[in-house]
Amino acid sequence: MNVRVIALEEISGVVVAEPRVFGDARGQFVETYRREWVPGAREMIQANRADRRAGALVGLHYHLHQADFWYVPFGSARMVLHDLRSGSPTEGATSEPSCRTHSQRAKPTQAGRQQCR
């Protein structure tokens, strides 16, 4: 397998995938998503890319019926997840998984998380 998948202990239903990057003098290749990395996740139906300047603050929002998937192609991003789900085993928990160039991404699999990117 070309990826290491880790379930976050702080928030139930969140996983972090660390893909393997293949590179040589011509450039690099990295698999950025594979459905089997996140068993039980909702179907991924939309992908977006946003390039930000260092220090930019972008969004504070939550989803009731959507799973998110982040990929950081270069640099790093601060991501904060907070479990807003009533009755969740990790209700009220907060996590700040590291998101750096090609190294990690997180995918919430259930509704009711607040994110700050």
C-alpha atoms as a PDB file:
ATOM      1  CA  MET A   1       0.000   0.000   0.000  1.00  0.00           C
ATOM      2  CA  ASN A   2       1.265   3.483  -0.861  1.00  0.00           C
ATOM      3  CA  VAL A   3      -0.401   5.238   2.046  1.00  0.00           C
ATOM      4  CA  ARG A   4      -0.490   5.071   5.829  1.00  0.00           C
ATOM      5  CA  VAL A   5      -3.990   5.666   7.236  1.00  0.00           C
ATOM      6  CA  ILE A   6      -4.382   6.657  10.896  1.00  0.00           C
ATOM      7  CA  ALA A   7      -7.645   7.083  12.821  1.00  0.00           C
ATOM      8  CA  LEU A   8      -7.495  10.170  15.043  1.00  0.00           C
ATOM      9  CA  GLU A   9      -8.068   9.257  18.673  1.00  0.00           C
ATOM     10  CA  GLU A  10      -9.293  12.735  19.614  1.00  0.00           C
ATOM     11  CA  ILE A  11     -12.368  12.691  17.327  1.00  0.00           C
ATOM     12  CA  SER A  12     -14.285   9.566  16.342  1.00  0.00           C
ATOM     13  CA  GLY A  13     -14.700   9.069  12.582  1.00  0.00           C
ATOM     14  CA  VAL A  14     -11.749  11.216  11.441  1.00  0.00           C
ATOM     15  CA  VAL A  15      -8.796   9.675   9.641  1.00  0.00           C
ATOM     16  CA  VAL A  16      -5.474  11.044   8.413  1.00  0.00           C
ATOM     17  CA  ALA A  17      -3.791   9.551   5.350  1.00  0.00           C
ATOM     18  CA  GLU A  18      -0.065   9.918   4.719  1.00  0.00           C
ATOM     19  CA  PRO A  19       0.574   9.090   1.046  1.00  0.00           C
ATOM     20  CA  ARG A  20       3.842   7.962  -0.477  1.00  0.00           C
ATOM     21  CA  VAL A  21       5.365  10.481  -2.896  1.00  0.00           C
ATOM     22  CA  PHE A  22       7.199   9.092  -5.924  1.00  0.00           C
ATOM     23  CA  GLY A  23       9.718  11.406  -7.524  1.00  0.00           C
ATOM     24  CA  ASP A  24      12.754  11.703  -9.741  1.00  0.00           C
ATOM     25  CA  ALA A  25      14.446  14.394 -11.850  1.00  0.00           C
ATOM     26  CA  ARG A  26      11.286  14.755 -13.971  1.00  0.00           C
ATOM     27  CA  GLY A  27       9.018  15.672 -11.050  1.00  0.00           C
ATOM     28  CA  GLN A  28       6.789  13.795  -8.633  1.00  0.00           C
ATOM     29  CA  PHE A  29       3.586  11.784  -8.414  1.00  0.00           C
ATOM     30  CA  VAL A  30       1.323  11.257  -5.426  1.00  0.00           C
ATOM     31  CA  GLU A  31      -2.027   9.506  -5.170  1.00  0.00           C
ATOM     32  CA  THR A  32      -4.230  12.071  -3.417  1.00  0.00           C
ATOM     33  CA  TYR A  33      -7.385  10.059  -2.769  1.00  0.00           C
ATOM     34  CA  ARG A  34      -8.600   6.481  -2.732  1.00  0.00           C
ATOM     35  CA  ARG A  35     -12.039   5.627  -1.397  1.00  0.00           C
ATOM     36  CA  GLU A  36     -10.805   2.557   0.499  1.00  0.00           C
ATOM     37  CA  TRP A  37      -8.626   4.798   2.707  1.00  0.00           C
ATOM     38  CA  VAL A  38     -11.788   5.980   4.459  1.00  0.00           C
ATOM     39  CA  PRO A  39     -14.125   3.011   4.986  1.00  0.00           C
ATOM     40  CA  GLY A  40     -17.749   3.995   5.479  1.00  0.00           C
ATOM     41  CA  ALA A  41     -17.215   7.548   4.225  1.00  0.00           C
ATOM     42  CA  ARG A  42     -19.814   9.349   2.186  1.00  0.00           C
ATOM     43  CA  GLU A  43     -19.246   9.403  -1.566  1.00  0.00           C
ATOM     44  CA  MET A  44     -16.808  12.111  -2.647  1.00  0.00           C
ATOM     45  CA  ILE A  45     -18.750  14.184  -5.181  1.00  0.00           C
ATOM     46  CA  GLN A  46     -16.833  17.465  -5.275  1.00  0.00           C
ATOM     47  CA  ALA A  47     -13.171  18.496  -5.239  1.00  0.00           C
ATOM     48  CA  ASN A  48     -11.847  22.041  -4.830  1.00  0.00           C
ATOM     49  CA  ARG A  49      -8.407  23.614  -4.714  1.00  0.00           C
ATOM     50  CA  ALA A  50      -7.534  26.957  -3.148  1.00  0.00           C
ATOM     51  CA  ASP A  51      -4.035  28.436  -3.068  1.00  0.00           C
ATOM     52  CA  ARG A  52      -3.539  30.856  -0.165  1.00  0.00           C
ATOM     53  CA  ARG A  53      -0.817  33.244   0.872  1.00  0.00           C
ATOM     54  CA  ALA A  54       1.089  32.625   4.098  1.00  0.00           C
ATOM     55  CA  GLY A  55      -0.884  33.785   7.136  1.00  0.00           C
ATOM     56  CA  ALA A  56      -4.287  33.865   5.396  1.00  0.00           C
ATOM     57  CA  LEU A  57      -7.293  32.991   7.573  1.00  0.00           C
ATOM     58  CA  VAL A  58      -9.997  31.151   5.682  1.00  0.00           C
ATOM     59  CA  GLY A  59     -13.393  30.159   6.979  1.00  0.00           C
ATOM     60  CA  LEU A  60     -15.032  28.890  10.076  1.00  0.00           C
ATOM     61  CA  HIS A  61     -17.930  26.642   9.202  1.00  0.00           C
ATOM     62  CA  TYR A  62     -19.678  23.381   9.932  1.00  0.00           C
ATOM     63  CA  HIS A  63     -21.507  20.728   7.937  1.00  0.00           C
ATOM     64  CA  LEU A  64     -24.535  18.702   8.902  1.00  0.00           C
ATOM     65  CA  HIS A  65     -24.527  16.288   5.952  1.00  0.00           C
ATOM     66  CA  GLN A  66     -21.149  16.504   4.271  1.00  0.00           C
ATOM     67  CA  ALA A  67     -17.758  14.912   4.632  1.00  0.00           C
ATOM     68  CA  ASP A  68     -14.660  16.994   3.871  1.00  0.00           C
ATOM     69  CA  PHE A  69     -11.320  15.935   2.466  1.00  0.00           C
ATOM     70  CA  TRP A  70      -8.270  18.226   2.575  1.00  0.00           C
ATOM     71  CA  TYR A  71      -5.088  17.934   0.562  1.00  0.00           C
ATOM     72  CA  VAL A  72      -2.124  20.292   1.050  1.00  0.00           C
ATOM     73  CA  PRO A  73      -0.006  20.354  -2.152  1.00  0.00           C
ATOM     74  CA  PHE A  74       2.675  22.646  -0.701  1.00  0.00           C
ATOM     75  CA  GLY A  75       3.479  24.449   2.545  1.00  0.00           C
ATOM     76  CA  SER A  76       1.282  23.771   5.547  1.00  0.00           C
ATOM     77  CA  ALA A  77      -2.221  24.508   6.761  1.00  0.00           C
ATOM     78  CA  ARG A  78      -3.612  24.769  10.269  1.00  0.00           C
ATOM     79  CA  MET A  79      -6.791  22.769  10.568  1.00  0.00           C
ATOM     80  CA  VAL A  80      -8.901  22.639  13.718  1.00  0.00           C
ATOM     81  CA  LEU A  81     -11.692  20.073  14.071  1.00  0.00           C
ATOM     82  CA  HIS A  82     -14.297  20.231  16.826  1.00  0.00           C
ATOM     83  CA  ASP A  83     -16.880  17.485  17.356  1.00  0.00           C
ATOM     84  CA  LEU A  84     -20.331  19.101  17.629  1.00  0.00           C
ATOM     85  CA  ARG A  85     -22.285  15.830  17.406  1.00  0.00           C
ATOM     86  CA  SER A  86     -24.615  15.327  20.345  1.00  0.00           C
ATOM     87  CA  GLY A  87     -24.064  11.877  21.856  1.00  0.00           C
ATOM     88  CA  SER A  88     -20.835  11.233  19.944  1.00  0.00           C
ATOM     89  CA  PRO A  89     -18.220   9.259  21.892  1.00  0.00           C
ATOM     90  CA  THR A  90     -15.931  12.271  21.378  1.00  0.00           C
ATOM     91  CA  GLU A  91     -18.556  15.032  21.732  1.00  0.00           C
ATOM     92  CA  GLY A  92     -16.894  18.365  22.527  1.00  0.00           C
ATOM     93  CA  ALA A  93     -13.402  17.133  21.585  1.00  0.00           C
ATOM     94  CA  THR A  94     -11.017  19.280  19.549  1.00  0.00           C
ATOM     95  CA  SER A  95      -8.125  18.139  17.368  1.00  0.00           C
ATOM     96  CA  GLU A  96      -5.505  19.945  15.291  1.00  0.00           C
ATOM     97  CA  PRO A  97      -4.072  17.370  12.889  1.00  0.00           C
ATOM     98  CA  SER A  98      -0.943  18.488  11.045  1.00  0.00           C
ATOM     99  CA  CYS A  99      -1.375  19.238   7.343  1.00  0.00           C
ATOM    100  CA  ARG A 100       1.890  19.663   5.444  1.00  0.00           C
ATOM    101  CA  THR A 101       3.053  19.279   1.859  1.00  0.00           C
ATOM    102  CA  HIS A 102       1.862  15.902   0.532  1.00  0.00           C
ATOM    103  CA  SER A 103       2.097  14.475   4.029  1.00  0.00           C
ATOM    104  CA  GLN A 104      -1.381  14.426   5.516  1.00  0.00           C
ATOM    105  CA  ARG A 105      -5.009  15.039   4.941  1.00  0.00           C
ATOM    106  CA  ALA A 106      -8.081  14.474   7.077  1.00  0.00           C
ATOM    107  CA  LYS A 107     -11.518  13.223   6.170  1.00  0.00           C
ATOM    108  CA  PRO A 108     -14.428  13.523   8.582  1.00  0.00           C
ATOM    109  CA  THR A 109     -16.871  10.709   7.921  1.00  0.00           C
ATOM    110  CA  GLN A 110     -19.902  11.903   9.884  1.00  0.00           C
ATOM    111  CA  ALA A 111     -21.844  15.145  10.140  1.00  0.00           C
ATOM    112  CA  GLY A 112     -21.543  17.836  12.777  1.00  0.00           C
ATOM    113  CA  ARG A 113     -17.932  18.921  12.835  1.00  0.00           C
ATOM    114  CA  GLN A 114     -16.747  22.492  12.891  1.00  0.00           C
ATOM    115  CA  GLN A 115     -13.632  23.261  10.880  1.00  0.00           C
ATOM    116  CA  CYS A 116     -11.296  26.208  10.654  1.00  0.00           C
ATOM    117  CA  ARG A 117      -8.885  26.180   7.747  1.00  0.00           C
END
